[in-house]
Amino acid sequence: MQKLEKDLIKIGLSEKESQVYLSSLSLGPSSVQNIAKKSNVNRVTTYVMIEQLTQKGLMSSFTKGKKKLYSAERPNRLMSLIHEREKELKDQEAQFRSVIPQLNAVMARSDNKTQVRFYEGVEGTKATHELLRGELANGGITEYREFIVPSLSDGIFEEGDSPARDEARKLIVKNKIKAKKIYFLDSDIGRKDTFFFDTKQHAKYLPAASYPLNCEIGIYGNLVVFYLVSDDHNTVVVDDEIVAASIKMMFDIAWSVAASIEDYPKS
């Protein structure tokens, strides 16, 4: 019986509602006194639980002679309750999505306050994808720049497989977000694979031997992501307009001396 109580609680009934419903179900049409005794719930509370269960369509009552009897509805009715909860959750999700921009506005972004987040492991990378997806969805990113080191990884949007990453990619394509990427390449990488030759996104390269960068960096609006590619796969996200502008300036300086990706030897 305890397992059934837990199952009923999972679909939305309270502990005492579950006890009263199961007792009524096993007794059949009964008086409130008998249901209270069977469920081990005091009489006053049993009345309240019966009323709540009746409102949910799980119990009903009728008069027999001078007595008022209560009975539990068939268990199939519980499926309707589950469907109702699913609808409520969908409505709540839609409502909450409309509130997210307002909540982001409440999350005060003071001009003088820098926000720094540190994420650990692959799950942290997924959290970064979720953050970027949110910024893309809210229009906070209209272009982005990336320093990519293929010998370390396949890029920030390649690591940590997650639905948020896939949604972020779709938003980049849908909103025609422009990107500039600088790859730090060596001859071995060039001969192994050519997956990173992304001319559509305005890619250039620098020789890794001359510029040994040991992390990947992405500039997305006011967000700067430092992807510390190591065994731990940690990520640092800095949310600051001045920091983003400074790193962007450094990127533009590197871009000015980088060579076109099309000139890189592919074999």
C-alpha atoms as a PDB file:
ATOM      1  CA  MET A   1       0.000   0.000   0.000  1.00  0.00           C
ATOM      2  CA  GLN A   2       2.882   2.349   0.776  1.00  0.00           C
ATOM      3  CA  LYS A   3       4.234   1.985  -2.763  1.00  0.00           C
ATOM      4  CA  LEU A   4       0.824   2.883  -4.184  1.00  0.00           C
ATOM      5  CA  GLU A   5       0.726   5.938  -1.932  1.00  0.00           C
ATOM      6  CA  LYS A   6       4.110   7.052  -3.267  1.00  0.00           C
ATOM      7  CA  ASP A   7       2.938   6.496  -6.846  1.00  0.00           C
ATOM      8  CA  LEU A   8      -0.140   8.647  -6.243  1.00  0.00           C
ATOM      9  CA  ILE A   9       1.983  11.368  -4.655  1.00  0.00           C
ATOM     10  CA  LYS A  10       4.156  11.403  -7.781  1.00  0.00           C
ATOM     11  CA  ILE A  11       1.174  12.273  -9.962  1.00  0.00           C
ATOM     12  CA  GLY A  12       0.102  15.148  -7.745  1.00  0.00           C
ATOM     13  CA  LEU A  13      -1.882  13.881  -4.758  1.00  0.00           C
ATOM     14  CA  SER A  14      -0.871  14.826  -1.235  1.00  0.00           C
ATOM     15  CA  GLU A  15       0.073  12.133   1.266  1.00  0.00           C
ATOM     16  CA  LYS A  16      -3.280  12.283   3.063  1.00  0.00           C
ATOM     17  CA  GLU A  17      -5.222  12.480  -0.207  1.00  0.00           C
ATOM     18  CA  SER A  18      -3.460   9.288  -1.292  1.00  0.00           C
ATOM     19  CA  GLN A  19      -4.294   7.536   1.990  1.00  0.00           C
ATOM     20  CA  VAL A  20      -7.957   8.524   1.859  1.00  0.00           C
ATOM     21  CA  TYR A  21      -8.317   7.623  -1.840  1.00  0.00           C
ATOM     22  CA  LEU A  22      -6.728   4.170  -1.423  1.00  0.00           C
ATOM     23  CA  SER A  23      -8.809   3.442   1.694  1.00  0.00           C
ATOM     24  CA  SER A  24     -12.018   4.444  -0.061  1.00  0.00           C
ATOM     25  CA  LEU A  25     -11.035   2.390  -3.110  1.00  0.00           C
ATOM     26  CA  SER A  26     -10.541  -0.736  -1.008  1.00  0.00           C
ATOM     27  CA  LEU A  27     -13.681  -0.214   1.136  1.00  0.00           C
ATOM     28  CA  GLY A  28     -16.134   0.656  -1.585  1.00  0.00           C
ATOM     29  CA  PRO A  29     -19.015   3.035  -0.687  1.00  0.00           C
ATOM     30  CA  SER A  30     -18.438   3.901   2.967  1.00  0.00           C
ATOM     31  CA  SER A  31     -19.098   6.483   5.632  1.00  0.00           C
ATOM     32  CA  VAL A  32     -16.506   9.088   6.459  1.00  0.00           C
ATOM     33  CA  GLN A  33     -15.970   7.386   9.831  1.00  0.00           C
ATOM     34  CA  ASN A  34     -14.946   4.103   8.192  1.00  0.00           C
ATOM     35  CA  ILE A  35     -12.718   5.834   5.646  1.00  0.00           C
ATOM     36  CA  ALA A  36     -11.008   7.845   8.413  1.00  0.00           C
ATOM     37  CA  LYS A  37     -10.412   4.685  10.436  1.00  0.00           C
ATOM     38  CA  LYS A  38      -9.079   2.742   7.457  1.00  0.00           C
ATOM     39  CA  SER A  39      -6.770   5.532   6.310  1.00  0.00           C
ATOM     40  CA  ASN A  40      -5.590   6.388   9.810  1.00  0.00           C
ATOM     41  CA  VAL A  41      -6.470  10.039   9.194  1.00  0.00           C
ATOM     42  CA  ASN A  42      -8.569  11.970  11.686  1.00  0.00           C
ATOM     43  CA  ARG A  43     -12.212  12.528  10.787  1.00  0.00           C
ATOM     44  CA  VAL A  44     -12.057  16.286  10.218  1.00  0.00           C
ATOM     45  CA  THR A  45      -9.046  15.971   7.910  1.00  0.00           C
ATOM     46  CA  THR A  46     -10.736  13.083   6.085  1.00  0.00           C
ATOM     47  CA  TYR A  47     -13.687  15.352   5.277  1.00  0.00           C
ATOM     48  CA  VAL A  48     -11.281  17.934   3.831  1.00  0.00           C
ATOM     49  CA  MET A  49      -9.413  15.297   1.809  1.00  0.00           C
ATOM     50  CA  ILE A  50     -12.685  13.887   0.426  1.00  0.00           C
ATOM     51  CA  GLU A  51     -13.733  17.371  -0.661  1.00  0.00           C
ATOM     52  CA  GLN A  52     -10.380  17.933  -2.417  1.00  0.00           C
ATOM     53  CA  LEU A  53     -10.528  14.527  -4.091  1.00  0.00           C
ATOM     54  CA  THR A  54     -14.088  15.242  -5.210  1.00  0.00           C
ATOM     55  CA  GLN A  55     -12.944  18.496  -6.810  1.00  0.00           C
ATOM     56  CA  LYS A  56     -10.323  16.491  -8.681  1.00  0.00           C
ATOM     57  CA  GLY A  57     -12.962  14.042  -9.862  1.00  0.00           C
ATOM     58  CA  LEU A  58     -11.506  11.157  -7.872  1.00  0.00           C
ATOM     59  CA  MET A  59     -14.319  10.692  -5.353  1.00  0.00           C
ATOM     60  CA  SER A  60     -18.091  11.104  -5.280  1.00  0.00           C
ATOM     61  CA  SER A  61     -20.883  10.796  -2.714  1.00  0.00           C
ATOM     62  CA  PHE A  62     -24.496   9.662  -2.531  1.00  0.00           C
ATOM     63  CA  THR A  63     -27.157   9.245   0.127  1.00  0.00           C
ATOM     64  CA  LYS A  64     -28.397   5.807   1.128  1.00  0.00           C
ATOM     65  CA  GLY A  65     -31.270   6.015   3.564  1.00  0.00           C
ATOM     66  CA  LYS A  66     -30.181   8.528   6.151  1.00  0.00           C
ATOM     67  CA  LYS A  67     -26.466   7.961   5.598  1.00  0.00           C
ATOM     68  CA  LYS A  68     -24.128   9.818   3.274  1.00  0.00           C
ATOM     69  CA  LEU A  69     -21.631   7.472   1.693  1.00  0.00           C
ATOM     70  CA  TYR A  70     -18.452   8.245  -0.230  1.00  0.00           C
ATOM     71  CA  SER A  71     -16.751   6.195  -2.909  1.00  0.00           C
ATOM     72  CA  ALA A  72     -13.569   6.447  -4.937  1.00  0.00           C
ATOM     73  CA  GLU A  73     -13.840   6.790  -8.686  1.00  0.00           C
ATOM     74  CA  ARG A  74     -12.295   4.134 -10.908  1.00  0.00           C
ATOM     75  CA  PRO A  75      -8.452   4.298 -11.155  1.00  0.00           C
ATOM     76  CA  ASN A  76      -8.748   5.132 -14.874  1.00  0.00           C
ATOM     77  CA  ARG A  77      -9.764   8.608 -13.749  1.00  0.00           C
ATOM     78  CA  LEU A  78      -6.177   9.084 -12.568  1.00  0.00           C
ATOM     79  CA  MET A  79      -5.024   9.134 -16.204  1.00  0.00           C
ATOM     80  CA  SER A  80      -7.223  12.159 -16.797  1.00  0.00           C
ATOM     81  CA  LEU A  81      -5.569  13.789 -13.812  1.00  0.00           C
ATOM     82  CA  ILE A  82      -2.138  13.113 -15.343  1.00  0.00           C
ATOM     83  CA  HIS A  83      -3.231  14.620 -18.672  1.00  0.00           C
ATOM     84  CA  GLU A  84      -4.524  17.686 -16.866  1.00  0.00           C
ATOM     85  CA  ARG A  85      -1.189  18.080 -15.086  1.00  0.00           C
ATOM     86  CA  GLU A  86       0.677  17.725 -18.390  1.00  0.00           C
ATOM     87  CA  LYS A  87      -1.450  20.520 -19.856  1.00  0.00           C
ATOM     88  CA  GLU A  88      -0.818  22.679 -16.808  1.00  0.00           C
ATOM     89  CA  LEU A  89       2.929  22.093 -17.109  1.00  0.00           C
ATOM     90  CA  LYS A  90       2.884  23.062 -20.790  1.00  0.00           C
ATOM     91  CA  ASP A  91       0.938  26.218 -19.971  1.00  0.00           C
ATOM     92  CA  GLN A  92       3.389  27.011 -17.166  1.00  0.00           C
ATOM     93  CA  GLU A  93       6.341  26.426 -19.494  1.00  0.00           C
ATOM     94  CA  ALA A  94       4.880  28.801 -22.106  1.00  0.00           C
ATOM     95  CA  GLN A  95       4.193  31.389 -19.422  1.00  0.00           C
ATOM     96  CA  PHE A  96       7.653  31.031 -17.925  1.00  0.00           C
ATOM     97  CA  ARG A  97       9.334  31.422 -21.315  1.00  0.00           C
ATOM     98  CA  SER A  98       7.604  34.784 -21.689  1.00  0.00           C
ATOM     99  CA  VAL A  99       8.859  35.797 -18.253  1.00  0.00           C
ATOM    100  CA  ILE A 100      12.524  34.884 -18.864  1.00  0.00           C
ATOM    101  CA  PRO A 101      13.362  38.191 -20.651  1.00  0.00           C
ATOM    102  CA  GLN A 102      11.911  40.077 -17.681  1.00  0.00           C
ATOM    103  CA  LEU A 103      13.938  37.979 -15.247  1.00  0.00           C
ATOM    104  CA  ASN A 104      17.065  38.664 -17.284  1.00  0.00           C
ATOM    105  CA  ALA A 105      16.304  42.365 -17.040  1.00  0.00           C
ATOM    106  CA  VAL A 106      15.984  42.038 -13.264  1.00  0.00           C
ATOM    107  CA  MET A 107      19.404  40.395 -13.190  1.00  0.00           C
ATOM    108  CA  ALA A 108      20.986  43.820 -13.062  1.00  0.00           C
ATOM    109  CA  ARG A 109      23.880  44.331 -15.409  1.00  0.00           C
ATOM    110  CA  SER A 110      25.559  47.318 -13.842  1.00  0.00           C
ATOM    111  CA  ASP A 111      28.073  49.067 -16.078  1.00  0.00           C
ATOM    112  CA  ASN A 112      30.561  48.887 -13.225  1.00  0.00           C
ATOM    113  CA  LYS A 113      29.936  45.278 -12.273  1.00  0.00           C
ATOM    114  CA  THR A 114      31.703  42.394 -13.977  1.00  0.00           C
ATOM    115  CA  GLN A 115      30.102  38.964 -13.744  1.00  0.00           C
ATOM    116  CA  VAL A 116      32.420  35.966 -13.825  1.00  0.00           C
ATOM    117  CA  ARG A 117      31.177  32.379 -13.967  1.00  0.00           C
ATOM    118  CA  PHE A 118      33.323  29.269 -13.615  1.00  0.00           C
ATOM    119  CA  TYR A 119      32.005  25.973 -14.949  1.00  0.00           C
ATOM    120  CA  GLU A 120      33.603  22.590 -14.368  1.00  0.00           C
ATOM    121  CA  GLY A 121      33.705  19.582 -16.671  1.00  0.00           C
ATOM    122  CA  VAL A 122      31.611  18.666 -19.677  1.00  0.00           C
ATOM    123  CA  GLU A 123      28.427  19.548 -17.779  1.00  0.00           C
ATOM    124  CA  GLY A 124      29.898  23.011 -17.356  1.00  0.00           C
ATOM    125  CA  THR A 125      30.408  23.204 -21.108  1.00  0.00           C
ATOM    126  CA  LYS A 126      26.740  22.316 -21.554  1.00  0.00           C
ATOM    127  CA  ALA A 127      25.818  25.103 -19.122  1.00  0.00           C
ATOM    128  CA  THR A 128      27.862  27.486 -21.285  1.00  0.00           C
ATOM    129  CA  HIS A 129      25.925  26.338 -24.349  1.00  0.00           C
ATOM    130  CA  GLU A 130      22.674  27.055 -22.504  1.00  0.00           C
ATOM    131  CA  LEU A 131      23.923  30.534 -21.600  1.00  0.00           C
ATOM    132  CA  LEU A 132      24.902  31.270 -25.201  1.00  0.00           C
ATOM    133  CA  ARG A 133      21.620  29.839 -26.497  1.00  0.00           C
ATOM    134  CA  GLY A 134      19.740  32.209 -24.222  1.00  0.00           C
ATOM    135  CA  GLU A 135      21.766  35.209 -25.397  1.00  0.00           C
ATOM    136  CA  LEU A 136      21.203  34.238 -29.042  1.00  0.00           C
ATOM    137  CA  ALA A 137      17.471  33.793 -28.451  1.00  0.00           C
ATOM    138  CA  ASN A 138      17.232  37.200 -26.759  1.00  0.00           C
ATOM    139  CA  GLY A 139      19.140  38.963 -29.531  1.00  0.00           C
ATOM    140  CA  GLY A 140      22.133  39.639 -27.291  1.00  0.00           C
ATOM    141  CA  ILE A 141      24.532  38.225 -29.890  1.00  0.00           C
ATOM    142  CA  THR A 142      24.564  39.668 -33.407  1.00  0.00           C
ATOM    143  CA  GLU A 143      28.068  38.488 -34.309  1.00  0.00           C
ATOM    144  CA  TYR A 144      30.836  36.535 -32.671  1.00  0.00           C
ATOM    145  CA  ARG A 145      34.543  35.884 -32.879  1.00  0.00           C
ATOM    146  CA  GLU A 146      36.496  32.777 -31.896  1.00  0.00           C
ATOM    147  CA  PHE A 147      40.096  31.767 -31.385  1.00  0.00           C
ATOM    148  CA  ILE A 148      40.100  28.033 -32.128  1.00  0.00           C
ATOM    149  CA  VAL A 149      42.884  25.510 -31.537  1.00  0.00           C
ATOM    150  CA  PRO A 150      41.927  22.288 -33.402  1.00  0.00           C
ATOM    151  CA  SER A 151      44.769  20.367 -31.741  1.00  0.00           C
ATOM    152  CA  LEU A 152      42.974  20.939 -28.421  1.00  0.00           C
ATOM    153  CA  SER A 153      39.341  20.524 -29.486  1.00  0.00           C
ATOM    154  CA  ASP A 154      36.866  21.029 -32.312  1.00  0.00           C
ATOM    155  CA  GLY A 155      35.696  24.416 -31.075  1.00  0.00           C
ATOM    156  CA  ILE A 156      33.467  25.683 -28.310  1.00  0.00           C
ATOM    157  CA  PHE A 157      30.309  24.735 -30.161  1.00  0.00           C
ATOM    158  CA  GLU A 158      31.647  21.238 -30.845  1.00  0.00           C
ATOM    159  CA  GLU A 159      32.403  20.121 -27.282  1.00  0.00           C
ATOM    160  CA  GLY A 160      29.872  18.880 -24.729  1.00  0.00           C
ATOM    161  CA  ASP A 161      27.067  17.482 -26.881  1.00  0.00           C
ATOM    162  CA  SER A 162      23.773  18.999 -25.677  1.00  0.00           C
ATOM    163  CA  PRO A 163      20.356  20.127 -26.971  1.00  0.00           C
ATOM    164  CA  ALA A 164      21.297  23.720 -26.072  1.00  0.00           C
ATOM    165  CA  ARG A 165      24.321  23.532 -28.359  1.00  0.00           C
ATOM    166  CA  ASP A 166      22.173  22.267 -31.234  1.00  0.00           C
ATOM    167  CA  GLU A 167      19.610  25.033 -30.617  1.00  0.00           C
ATOM    168  CA  ALA A 168      22.410  27.627 -30.522  1.00  0.00           C
ATOM    169  CA  ARG A 169      23.697  26.441 -33.888  1.00  0.00           C
ATOM    170  CA  LYS A 170      20.203  26.635 -35.386  1.00  0.00           C
ATOM    171  CA  LEU A 171      19.791  30.183 -34.070  1.00  0.00           C
ATOM    172  CA  ILE A 172      23.150  31.167 -35.590  1.00  0.00           C
ATOM    173  CA  VAL A 173      21.968  29.917 -38.991  1.00  0.00           C
ATOM    174  CA  LYS A 174      18.409  31.249 -38.646  1.00  0.00           C
ATOM    175  CA  ASN A 175      19.462  34.732 -37.535  1.00  0.00           C
ATOM    176  CA  LYS A 176      22.361  34.831 -39.988  1.00  0.00           C
ATOM    177  CA  ILE A 177      24.828  35.585 -37.208  1.00  0.00           C
ATOM    178  CA  LYS A 178      28.166  36.568 -38.717  1.00  0.00           C
ATOM    179  CA  ALA A 179      31.317  35.030 -37.340  1.00  0.00           C
ATOM    180  CA  LYS A 180      35.035  35.436 -37.643  1.00  0.00           C
ATOM    181  CA  LYS A 181      37.315  32.598 -36.634  1.00  0.00           C
ATOM    182  CA  ILE A 182      41.065  32.391 -36.285  1.00  0.00           C
ATOM    183  CA  TYR A 183      42.474  28.865 -36.256  1.00  0.00           C
ATOM    184  CA  PHE A 184      45.859  28.096 -34.743  1.00  0.00           C
ATOM    185  CA  LEU A 185      47.115  25.368 -37.035  1.00  0.00           C
ATOM    186  CA  ASP A 186      50.117  23.143 -37.503  1.00  0.00           C
ATOM    187  CA  SER A 187      51.008  20.948 -40.445  1.00  0.00           C
ATOM    188  CA  ASP A 188      49.935  17.732 -38.753  1.00  0.00           C
ATOM    189  CA  ILE A 189      46.418  18.991 -38.170  1.00  0.00           C
ATOM    190  CA  GLY A 190      46.213  20.220 -41.739  1.00  0.00           C
ATOM    191  CA  ARG A 191      47.138  16.823 -43.128  1.00  0.00           C
ATOM    192  CA  LYS A 192      44.850  14.883 -40.788  1.00  0.00           C
ATOM    193  CA  ASP A 193      41.617  16.667 -41.378  1.00  0.00           C
ATOM    194  CA  THR A 194      40.088  19.611 -43.208  1.00  0.00           C
ATOM    195  CA  PHE A 195      36.862  19.928 -41.214  1.00  0.00           C
ATOM    196  CA  PHE A 196      37.812  23.363 -39.924  1.00  0.00           C
ATOM    197  CA  PHE A 197      38.121  25.081 -43.311  1.00  0.00           C
ATOM    198  CA  ASP A 198      35.068  27.259 -42.804  1.00  0.00           C
ATOM    199  CA  THR A 199      35.311  29.949 -45.477  1.00  0.00           C
ATOM    200  CA  LYS A 200      31.629  30.849 -45.156  1.00  0.00           C
ATOM    201  CA  GLN A 201      32.304  32.158 -41.658  1.00  0.00           C
ATOM    202  CA  HIS A 202      35.316  34.278 -42.661  1.00  0.00           C
ATOM    203  CA  ALA A 203      38.098  32.093 -41.309  1.00  0.00           C
ATOM    204  CA  LYS A 204      41.813  32.877 -41.093  1.00  0.00           C
ATOM    205  CA  TYR A 205      44.712  31.030 -39.527  1.00  0.00           C
ATOM    206  CA  LEU A 206      47.934  31.601 -37.622  1.00  0.00           C
ATOM    207  CA  PRO A 207      50.753  29.039 -37.305  1.00  0.00           C
ATOM    208  CA  ALA A 208      50.420  27.296 -33.966  1.00  0.00           C
ATOM    209  CA  ALA A 209      54.197  26.991 -33.623  1.00  0.00           C
ATOM    210  CA  SER A 210      54.587  30.763 -33.668  1.00  0.00           C
ATOM    211  CA  TYR A 211      51.483  31.488 -31.602  1.00  0.00           C
ATOM    212  CA  PRO A 212      51.070  28.679 -29.059  1.00  0.00           C
ATOM    213  CA  LEU A 213      47.605  29.404 -27.650  1.00  0.00           C
ATOM    214  CA  ASN A 214      46.616  26.906 -24.947  1.00  0.00           C
ATOM    215  CA  CYS A 215      42.932  27.721 -24.595  1.00  0.00           C
ATOM    216  CA  GLU A 216      40.070  28.646 -26.867  1.00  0.00           C
ATOM    217  CA  ILE A 217      38.376  32.029 -26.616  1.00  0.00           C
ATOM    218  CA  GLY A 218      34.990  33.154 -27.898  1.00  0.00           C
ATOM    219  CA  ILE A 219      33.593  36.692 -27.886  1.00  0.00           C
ATOM    220  CA  TYR A 220      29.787  36.697 -28.039  1.00  0.00           C
ATOM    221  CA  GLY A 221      28.321  40.157 -27.552  1.00  0.00           C
ATOM    222  CA  ASN A 222      29.396  41.165 -24.032  1.00  0.00           C
ATOM    223  CA  LEU A 223      30.247  37.571 -23.113  1.00  0.00           C
ATOM    224  CA  VAL A 224      33.810  36.290 -23.308  1.00  0.00           C
ATOM    225  CA  VAL A 225      34.215  32.512 -22.974  1.00  0.00           C
ATOM    226  CA  PHE A 226      37.603  31.042 -22.070  1.00  0.00           C
ATOM    227  CA  TYR A 227      37.454  27.352 -22.842  1.00  0.00           C
ATOM    228  CA  LEU A 228      40.272  25.755 -20.848  1.00  0.00           C
ATOM    229  CA  VAL A 229      40.766  22.615 -22.875  1.00  0.00           C
ATOM    230  CA  SER A 230      42.315  20.077 -20.535  1.00  0.00           C
ATOM    231  CA  ASP A 231      41.335  16.817 -18.923  1.00  0.00           C
ATOM    232  CA  ASP A 232      38.890  18.768 -16.737  1.00  0.00           C
ATOM    233  CA  HIS A 233      37.294  20.779 -19.587  1.00  0.00           C
ATOM    234  CA  ASN A 234      36.699  23.843 -17.436  1.00  0.00           C
ATOM    235  CA  THR A 235      35.119  27.026 -18.759  1.00  0.00           C
ATOM    236  CA  VAL A 236      35.309  30.628 -17.562  1.00  0.00           C
ATOM    237  CA  VAL A 237      32.663  33.107 -18.742  1.00  0.00           C
ATOM    238  CA  VAL A 238      33.179  36.842 -18.246  1.00  0.00           C
ATOM    239  CA  ASP A 239      30.163  39.092 -18.761  1.00  0.00           C
ATOM    240  CA  ASP A 240      31.476  42.628 -19.166  1.00  0.00           C
ATOM    241  CA  GLU A 241      31.271  45.137 -22.013  1.00  0.00           C
ATOM    242  CA  ILE A 242      34.771  46.560 -21.462  1.00  0.00           C
ATOM    243  CA  VAL A 243      36.432  43.132 -21.224  1.00  0.00           C
ATOM    244  CA  ALA A 244      34.580  41.973 -24.355  1.00  0.00           C
ATOM    245  CA  ALA A 245      35.644  45.106 -26.270  1.00  0.00           C
ATOM    246  CA  SER A 246      39.276  44.599 -25.183  1.00  0.00           C
ATOM    247  CA  ILE A 247      39.406  40.944 -26.250  1.00  0.00           C
ATOM    248  CA  LYS A 248      37.634  41.857 -29.474  1.00  0.00           C
ATOM    249  CA  MET A 249      40.327  44.466 -30.177  1.00  0.00           C
ATOM    250  CA  MET A 250      43.007  41.825 -29.605  1.00  0.00           C
ATOM    251  CA  PHE A 251      41.153  39.526 -31.996  1.00  0.00           C
ATOM    252  CA  ASP A 252      41.033  42.246 -34.659  1.00  0.00           C
ATOM    253  CA  ILE A 253      44.794  42.822 -34.301  1.00  0.00           C
ATOM    254  CA  ALA A 254      45.414  39.095 -34.742  1.00  0.00           C
ATOM    255  CA  TRP A 255      42.981  39.065 -37.671  1.00  0.00           C
ATOM    256  CA  SER A 256      44.972  41.789 -39.409  1.00  0.00           C
ATOM    257  CA  VAL A 257      48.131  39.630 -39.488  1.00  0.00           C
ATOM    258  CA  ALA A 258      46.475  36.229 -39.957  1.00  0.00           C
ATOM    259  CA  ALA A 259      46.478  34.558 -43.356  1.00  0.00           C
ATOM    260  CA  SER A 260      43.409  33.465 -45.291  1.00  0.00           C
ATOM    261  CA  ILE A 261      42.352  29.938 -44.458  1.00  0.00           C
ATOM    262  CA  GLU A 262      42.178  29.243 -48.178  1.00  0.00           C
ATOM    263  CA  ASP A 263      45.953  29.710 -48.368  1.00  0.00           C
ATOM    264  CA  TYR A 264      46.632  27.030 -45.767  1.00  0.00           C
ATOM    265  CA  PRO A 265      48.188  23.862 -47.257  1.00  0.00           C
ATOM    266  CA  LYS A 266      45.606  21.083 -47.113  1.00  0.00           C
ATOM    267  CA  SER A 267      47.957  18.248 -47.864  1.00  0.00           C
END
